[in-house]
Amino acid sequence: MSLKVSILTEIPEELHASLRSYLESHPNWDQDRVFAAALSLFLLQNQPNKPIEASPNYRACARVYLESLFQRPA
């Protein structure tokens, strides 16, 4: 079981419109799932140290990313 942390943030209106449009056309996704996938992918792509595959943070981000992508609808 993983703990969840709530984040309150402001995003540009254009990005919000794109997100809303995406969610309307992909009913299996929700805002939390999109943010988890996007943030974990960003962190995976921007790890400062190489080789990153051995890092516990890399593995945790990779797990969250893959779980977000392949999550089955409830």
PDB file of N, CA and C in Angstrom:
ATOM      1  N   MET A   1       0.838  -1.173   0.000  1.00  0.00           N
ATOM      2  CA  MET A   1       0.000   0.000   0.000  1.00  0.00           C
ATOM      3  C   MET A   1       0.888   1.244   0.000  1.00  0.00           C
ATOM      4  N   SER A   2       0.640   2.153  -0.939  1.00  0.00           N
ATOM      5  CA  SER A   2       1.436   3.371  -0.982  1.00  0.00           C
ATOM      6  C   SER A   2       0.639   4.529  -0.392  1.00  0.00           C
ATOM      7  N   LEU A   3       1.349   5.395   0.274  1.00  0.00           N
ATOM      8  CA  LEU A   3       0.719   6.582   0.842  1.00  0.00           C
ATOM      9  C   LEU A   3       0.526   7.611  -0.252  1.00  0.00           C
ATOM     10  N   LYS A   4      -0.497   8.425  -0.120  1.00  0.00           N
ATOM     11  CA  LYS A   4      -0.760   9.469  -1.099  1.00  0.00           C
ATOM     12  C   LYS A   4      -0.644  10.818  -0.424  1.00  0.00           C
ATOM     13  N   VAL A   5      -0.105  11.781  -1.157  1.00  0.00           N
ATOM     14  CA  VAL A   5       0.060  13.141  -0.687  1.00  0.00           C
ATOM     15  C   VAL A   5      -0.734  14.036  -1.622  1.00  0.00           C
ATOM     16  N   SER A   6      -1.512  14.920  -1.060  1.00  0.00           N
ATOM     17  CA  SER A   6      -2.309  15.838  -1.863  1.00  0.00           C
ATOM     18  C   SER A   6      -1.482  17.064  -2.234  1.00  0.00           C
ATOM     19  N   ILE A   7      -1.591  17.493  -3.497  1.00  0.00           N
ATOM     20  CA  ILE A   7      -0.861  18.663  -3.979  1.00  0.00           C
ATOM     21  C   ILE A   7      -1.864  19.644  -4.578  1.00  0.00           C
ATOM     22  N   LEU A   8      -1.764  20.872  -4.150  1.00  0.00           N
ATOM     23  CA  LEU A   8      -2.583  21.936  -4.719  1.00  0.00           C
ATOM     24  C   LEU A   8      -1.660  22.828  -5.537  1.00  0.00           C
ATOM     25  N   THR A   9      -1.957  22.981  -6.815  1.00  0.00           N
ATOM     26  CA  THR A   9      -1.092  23.778  -7.678  1.00  0.00           C
ATOM     27  C   THR A   9      -1.918  24.526  -8.707  1.00  0.00           C
ATOM     28  N   GLU A  10      -1.360  25.586  -9.223  1.00  0.00           N
ATOM     29  CA  GLU A  10      -1.991  26.334 -10.294  1.00  0.00           C
ATOM     30  C   GLU A  10      -1.308  25.966 -11.604  1.00  0.00           C
ATOM     31  N   ILE A  11      -2.122  25.787 -12.647  1.00  0.00           N
ATOM     32  CA  ILE A  11      -1.585  25.491 -13.973  1.00  0.00           C
ATOM     33  C   ILE A  11      -2.176  26.496 -14.952  1.00  0.00           C
ATOM     34  N   PRO A  12      -1.496  26.720 -16.081  1.00  0.00           N
ATOM     35  CA  PRO A  12      -2.037  27.643 -17.078  1.00  0.00           C
ATOM     36  C   PRO A  12      -3.414  27.182 -17.584  1.00  0.00           C
ATOM     37  N   GLU A  13      -4.257  28.135 -17.901  1.00  0.00           N
ATOM     38  CA  GLU A  13      -5.612  27.832 -18.352  1.00  0.00           C
ATOM     39  C   GLU A  13      -5.616  26.942 -19.587  1.00  0.00           C
ATOM     40  N   GLU A  14      -4.678  27.170 -20.500  1.00  0.00           N
ATOM     41  CA  GLU A  14      -4.604  26.361 -21.721  1.00  0.00           C
ATOM     42  C   GLU A  14      -4.306  24.899 -21.400  1.00  0.00           C
ATOM     43  N   LEU A  15      -3.426  24.676 -20.430  1.00  0.00           N
ATOM     44  CA  LEU A  15      -3.103  23.316 -20.012  1.00  0.00           C
ATOM     45  C   LEU A  15      -4.308  22.657 -19.351  1.00  0.00           C
ATOM     46  N   HIS A  16      -5.035  23.416 -18.560  1.00  0.00           N
ATOM     47  CA  HIS A  16      -6.240  22.890 -17.920  1.00  0.00           C
ATOM     48  C   HIS A  16      -7.286  22.501 -18.966  1.00  0.00           C
ATOM     49  N   ALA A  17      -7.440  23.335 -19.996  1.00  0.00           N
ATOM     50  CA  ALA A  17      -8.394  23.018 -21.062  1.00  0.00           C
ATOM     51  C   ALA A  17      -7.987  21.728 -21.779  1.00  0.00           C
ATOM     52  N   SER A  18      -6.704  21.573 -22.038  1.00  0.00           N
ATOM     53  CA  SER A  18      -6.218  20.344 -22.686  1.00  0.00           C
ATOM     54  C   SER A  18      -6.446  19.131 -21.799  1.00  0.00           C
ATOM     55  N   LEU A  19      -6.188  19.286 -20.510  1.00  0.00           N
ATOM     56  CA  LEU A  19      -6.410  18.192 -19.565  1.00  0.00           C
ATOM     57  C   LEU A  19      -7.886  17.820 -19.523  1.00  0.00           C
ATOM     58  N   ARG A  20      -8.746  18.808 -19.431  1.00  0.00           N
ATOM     59  CA  ARG A  20     -10.193  18.558 -19.382  1.00  0.00           C
ATOM     60  C   ARG A  20     -10.641  17.822 -20.643  1.00  0.00           C
ATOM     61  N   SER A  21     -10.146  18.257 -21.805  1.00  0.00           N
ATOM     62  CA  SER A  21     -10.494  17.610 -23.068  1.00  0.00           C
ATOM     63  C   SER A  21     -10.017  16.157 -23.091  1.00  0.00           C
ATOM     64  N   TYR A  22      -8.794  15.925 -22.616  1.00  0.00           N
ATOM     65  CA  TYR A  22      -8.252  14.568 -22.571  1.00  0.00           C
ATOM     66  C   TYR A  22      -9.108  13.678 -21.663  1.00  0.00           C
ATOM     67  N   LEU A  23      -9.446  14.189 -20.490  1.00  0.00           N
ATOM     68  CA  LEU A  23     -10.217  13.393 -19.535  1.00  0.00           C
ATOM     69  C   LEU A  23     -11.621  13.094 -20.053  1.00  0.00           C
ATOM     70  N   GLU A  24     -12.198  14.021 -20.796  1.00  0.00           N
ATOM     71  CA  GLU A  24     -13.530  13.786 -21.370  1.00  0.00           C
ATOM     72  C   GLU A  24     -13.503  12.672 -22.416  1.00  0.00           C
ATOM     73  N   SER A  25     -12.391  12.534 -23.125  1.00  0.00           N
ATOM     74  CA  SER A  25     -12.306  11.511 -24.163  1.00  0.00           C
ATOM     75  C   SER A  25     -11.651  10.212 -23.679  1.00  0.00           C
ATOM     76  N   HIS A  26     -11.170  10.197 -22.437  1.00  0.00           N
ATOM     77  CA  HIS A  26     -10.564   8.991 -21.848  1.00  0.00           C
ATOM     78  C   HIS A  26     -11.171   8.750 -20.465  1.00  0.00           C
ATOM     79  N   PRO A  27     -12.349   8.145 -20.414  1.00  0.00           N
ATOM     80  CA  PRO A  27     -13.063   7.997 -19.137  1.00  0.00           C
ATOM     81  C   PRO A  27     -12.356   7.112 -18.103  1.00  0.00           C
ATOM     82  N   ASN A  28     -11.392   6.304 -18.527  1.00  0.00           N
ATOM     83  CA  ASN A  28     -10.669   5.464 -17.568  1.00  0.00           C
ATOM     84  C   ASN A  28      -9.596   6.228 -16.816  1.00  0.00           C
ATOM     85  N   TRP A  29      -9.325   7.463 -17.235  1.00  0.00           N
ATOM     86  CA  TRP A  29      -8.311   8.293 -16.594  1.00  0.00           C
ATOM     87  C   TRP A  29      -8.991   9.355 -15.735  1.00  0.00           C
ATOM     88  N   ASP A  30      -8.308   9.779 -14.672  1.00  0.00           N
ATOM     89  CA  ASP A  30      -8.754  10.921 -13.888  1.00  0.00           C
ATOM     90  C   ASP A  30      -7.556  11.849 -13.677  1.00  0.00           C
ATOM     91  N   GLN A  31      -7.830  13.009 -13.111  1.00  0.00           N
ATOM     92  CA  GLN A  31      -6.787  14.015 -12.938  1.00  0.00           C
ATOM     93  C   GLN A  31      -5.614  13.485 -12.117  1.00  0.00           C
ATOM     94  N   ASP A  32      -5.885  12.757 -11.062  1.00  0.00           N
ATOM     95  CA  ASP A  32      -4.813  12.228 -10.211  1.00  0.00           C
ATOM     96  C   ASP A  32      -3.923  11.253 -10.978  1.00  0.00           C
ATOM     97  N   ARG A  33      -4.536  10.416 -11.789  1.00  0.00           N
ATOM     98  CA  ARG A  33      -3.767   9.443 -12.560  1.00  0.00           C
ATOM     99  C   ARG A  33      -2.885  10.148 -13.598  1.00  0.00           C
ATOM    100  N   VAL A  34      -3.423  11.157 -14.257  1.00  0.00           N
ATOM    101  CA  VAL A  34      -2.643  11.922 -15.240  1.00  0.00           C
ATOM    102  C   VAL A  34      -1.464  12.607 -14.561  1.00  0.00           C
ATOM    103  N   PHE A  35      -1.705  13.253 -13.423  1.00  0.00           N
ATOM    104  CA  PHE A  35      -0.620  13.954 -12.735  1.00  0.00           C
ATOM    105  C   PHE A  35       0.450  12.983 -12.247  1.00  0.00           C
ATOM    106  N   ALA A  36       0.044  11.832 -11.727  1.00  0.00           N
ATOM    107  CA  ALA A  36       1.023  10.841 -11.262  1.00  0.00           C
ATOM    108  C   ALA A  36       1.876  10.345 -12.425  1.00  0.00           C
ATOM    109  N   ALA A  37       1.244  10.070 -13.570  1.00  0.00           N
ATOM    110  CA  ALA A  37       1.994   9.603 -14.728  1.00  0.00           C
ATOM    111  C   ALA A  37       2.941  10.692 -15.243  1.00  0.00           C
ATOM    112  N   ALA A  38       2.444  11.914 -15.335  1.00  0.00           N
ATOM    113  CA  ALA A  38       3.260  13.007 -15.863  1.00  0.00           C
ATOM    114  C   ALA A  38       4.434  13.335 -14.947  1.00  0.00           C
ATOM    115  N   LEU A  39       4.179  13.421 -13.655  1.00  0.00           N
ATOM    116  CA  LEU A  39       5.241  13.767 -12.715  1.00  0.00           C
ATOM    117  C   LEU A  39       6.284  12.660 -12.628  1.00  0.00           C
ATOM    118  N   SER A  40       5.845  11.414 -12.585  1.00  0.00           N
ATOM    119  CA  SER A  40       6.818  10.319 -12.504  1.00  0.00           C
ATOM    120  C   SER A  40       7.657  10.234 -13.782  1.00  0.00           C
ATOM    121  N   LEU A  41       7.042  10.462 -14.947  1.00  0.00           N
ATOM    122  CA  LEU A  41       7.813  10.445 -16.189  1.00  0.00           C
ATOM    123  C   LEU A  41       8.823  11.597 -16.206  1.00  0.00           C
ATOM    124  N   PHE A  42       8.415  12.777 -15.761  1.00  0.00           N
ATOM    125  CA  PHE A  42       9.341  13.909 -15.689  1.00  0.00           C
ATOM    126  C   PHE A  42      10.538  13.569 -14.805  1.00  0.00           C
ATOM    127  N   LEU A  43      10.279  12.992 -13.644  1.00  0.00           N
ATOM    128  CA  LEU A  43      11.366  12.642 -12.724  1.00  0.00           C
ATOM    129  C   LEU A  43      12.265  11.558 -13.301  1.00  0.00           C
ATOM    130  N   LEU A  44      11.692  10.600 -13.994  1.00  0.00           N
ATOM    131  CA  LEU A  44      12.498   9.557 -14.632  1.00  0.00           C
ATOM    132  C   LEU A  44      13.422  10.147 -15.687  1.00  0.00           C
ATOM    133  N   GLN A  45      12.916  11.077 -16.444  1.00  0.00           N
ATOM    134  CA  GLN A  45      13.693  11.659 -17.537  1.00  0.00           C
ATOM    135  C   GLN A  45      14.718  12.680 -17.063  1.00  0.00           C
ATOM    136  N   ASN A  46      14.585  13.153 -15.834  1.00  0.00           N
ATOM    137  CA  ASN A  46      15.457  14.226 -15.359  1.00  0.00           C
ATOM    138  C   ASN A  46      16.264  13.841 -14.128  1.00  0.00           C
ATOM    139  N   GLN A  47      16.588  12.564 -13.988  1.00  0.00           N
ATOM    140  CA  GLN A  47      17.446  12.121 -12.893  1.00  0.00           C
ATOM    141  C   GLN A  47      18.843  12.703 -13.102  1.00  0.00           C
ATOM    142  N   PRO A  48      19.431  13.297 -12.055  1.00  0.00           N
ATOM    143  CA  PRO A  48      20.731  13.952 -12.234  1.00  0.00           C
ATOM    144  C   PRO A  48      21.921  13.001 -12.326  1.00  0.00           C
ATOM    145  N   ASN A  49      21.836  11.824 -11.741  1.00  0.00           N
ATOM    146  CA  ASN A  49      22.982  10.920 -11.678  1.00  0.00           C
ATOM    147  C   ASN A  49      22.815   9.735 -12.617  1.00  0.00           C
ATOM    148  N   LYS A  50      23.902   9.312 -13.217  1.00  0.00           N
ATOM    149  CA  LYS A  50      23.916   8.131 -14.069  1.00  0.00           C
ATOM    150  C   LYS A  50      24.878   7.118 -13.455  1.00  0.00           C
ATOM    151  N   PRO A  51      24.667   5.833 -13.489  1.00  0.00           N
ATOM    152  CA  PRO A  51      23.483   5.183 -14.023  1.00  0.00           C
ATOM    153  C   PRO A  51      22.313   5.285 -13.059  1.00  0.00           C
ATOM    154  N   ILE A  52      21.167   5.612 -13.588  1.00  0.00           N
ATOM    155  CA  ILE A  52      20.001   5.867 -12.756  1.00  0.00           C
ATOM    156  C   ILE A  52      19.225   4.604 -12.398  1.00  0.00           C
ATOM    157  N   GLU A  53      19.426   3.536 -13.148  1.00  0.00           N
ATOM    158  CA  GLU A  53      18.647   2.325 -12.919  1.00  0.00           C
ATOM    159  C   GLU A  53      18.867   1.745 -11.527  1.00  0.00           C
ATOM    160  N   ALA A  54      20.007   2.030 -10.903  1.00  0.00           N
ATOM    161  CA  ALA A  54      20.317   1.465  -9.590  1.00  0.00           C
ATOM    162  C   ALA A  54      19.727   2.281  -8.449  1.00  0.00           C
ATOM    163  N   SER A  55      19.273   3.476  -8.718  1.00  0.00           N
ATOM    164  CA  SER A  55      18.758   4.362  -7.686  1.00  0.00           C
ATOM    165  C   SER A  55      17.394   3.900  -7.169  1.00  0.00           C
ATOM    166  N   PRO A  56      17.192   3.887  -5.835  1.00  0.00           N
ATOM    167  CA  PRO A  56      15.870   3.537  -5.288  1.00  0.00           C
ATOM    168  C   PRO A  56      14.797   4.524  -5.743  1.00  0.00           C
ATOM    169  N   ASN A  57      15.160   5.803  -5.891  1.00  0.00           N
ATOM    170  CA  ASN A  57      14.187   6.788  -6.362  1.00  0.00           C
ATOM    171  C   ASN A  57      13.760   6.509  -7.794  1.00  0.00           C
ATOM    172  N   TYR A  58      14.715   6.097  -8.617  1.00  0.00           N
ATOM    173  CA  TYR A  58      14.404   5.767 -10.006  1.00  0.00           C
ATOM    174  C   TYR A  58      13.407   4.615 -10.061  1.00  0.00           C
ATOM    175  N   ARG A  59      13.673   3.582  -9.282  1.00  0.00           N
ATOM    176  CA  ARG A  59      12.782   2.418  -9.267  1.00  0.00           C
ATOM    177  C   ARG A  59      11.391   2.778  -8.770  1.00  0.00           C
ATOM    178  N   ALA A  60      11.310   3.627  -7.743  1.00  0.00           N
ATOM    179  CA  ALA A  60      10.011   4.047  -7.209  1.00  0.00           C
ATOM    180  C   ALA A  60       9.239   4.860  -8.245  1.00  0.00           C
ATOM    181  N   CYS A  61       9.924   5.782  -8.915  1.00  0.00           N
ATOM    182  CA  CYS A  61       9.277   6.581  -9.959  1.00  0.00           C
ATOM    183  C   CYS A  61       8.831   5.697 -11.117  1.00  0.00           C
ATOM    184  N   ALA A  62       9.662   4.743 -11.497  1.00  0.00           N
ATOM    185  CA  ALA A  62       9.313   3.834 -12.584  1.00  0.00           C
ATOM    186  C   ALA A  62       8.077   3.006 -12.225  1.00  0.00           C
ATOM    187  N   ARG A  63       8.022   2.559 -10.988  1.00  0.00           N
ATOM    188  CA  ARG A  63       6.858   1.772 -10.543  1.00  0.00           C
ATOM    189  C   ARG A  63       5.589   2.610 -10.612  1.00  0.00           C
ATOM    190  N   VAL A  64       5.640   3.834 -10.094  1.00  0.00           N
ATOM    191  CA  VAL A  64       4.466   4.719 -10.120  1.00  0.00           C
ATOM    192  C   VAL A  64       4.048   5.000 -11.560  1.00  0.00           C
ATOM    193  N   TYR A  65       5.031   5.265 -12.413  1.00  0.00           N
ATOM    194  CA  TYR A  65       4.729   5.554 -13.817  1.00  0.00           C
ATOM    195  C   TYR A  65       4.022   4.371 -14.483  1.00  0.00           C
ATOM    196  N   LEU A  66       4.581   3.192 -14.331  1.00  0.00           N
ATOM    197  CA  LEU A  66       3.985   2.009 -14.965  1.00  0.00           C
ATOM    198  C   LEU A  66       2.622   1.674 -14.376  1.00  0.00           C
ATOM    199  N   GLU A  67       2.475   1.814 -13.059  1.00  0.00           N
ATOM    200  CA  GLU A  67       1.171   1.569 -12.454  1.00  0.00           C
ATOM    201  C   GLU A  67       0.134   2.566 -12.964  1.00  0.00           C
ATOM    202  N   SER A  68       0.548   3.814 -13.159  1.00  0.00           N
ATOM    203  CA  SER A  68      -0.375   4.829 -13.680  1.00  0.00           C
ATOM    204  C   SER A  68      -0.816   4.502 -15.099  1.00  0.00           C
ATOM    205  N   LEU A  69       0.122   4.068 -15.917  1.00  0.00           N
ATOM    206  CA  LEU A  69      -0.205   3.766 -17.305  1.00  0.00           C
ATOM    207  C   LEU A  69      -1.101   2.545 -17.447  1.00  0.00           C
ATOM    208  N   PHE A  70      -0.822   1.528 -16.658  1.00  0.00           N
ATOM    209  CA  PHE A  70      -1.515   0.260 -16.838  1.00  0.00           C
ATOM    210  C   PHE A  70      -2.582  -0.034 -15.793  1.00  0.00           C
ATOM    211  N   GLN A  71      -2.982   0.976 -15.074  1.00  0.00           N
ATOM    212  CA  GLN A  71      -4.029   0.832 -14.058  1.00  0.00           C
ATOM    213  C   GLN A  71      -5.330   0.406 -14.727  1.00  0.00           C
ATOM    214  N   ARG A  72      -5.984  -0.550 -14.117  1.00  0.00           N
ATOM    215  CA  ARG A  72      -7.258  -1.020 -14.647  1.00  0.00           C
ATOM    216  C   ARG A  72      -8.388  -0.214 -14.019  1.00  0.00           C
ATOM    217  N   PRO A  73      -9.446   0.031 -14.782  1.00  0.00           N
ATOM    218  CA  PRO A  73     -10.576   0.782 -14.223  1.00  0.00           C
ATOM    219  C   PRO A  73     -11.205   0.050 -13.052  1.00  0.00           C
ATOM    220  N   ALA A  74     -11.675   0.808 -12.082  1.00  0.00           N
ATOM    221  CA  ALA A  74     -12.284   0.205 -10.874  1.00  0.00           C
ATOM    222  C   ALA A  74     -13.649  -0.363 -11.151  1.00  0.00           C
TER     223      ALA A  74
END
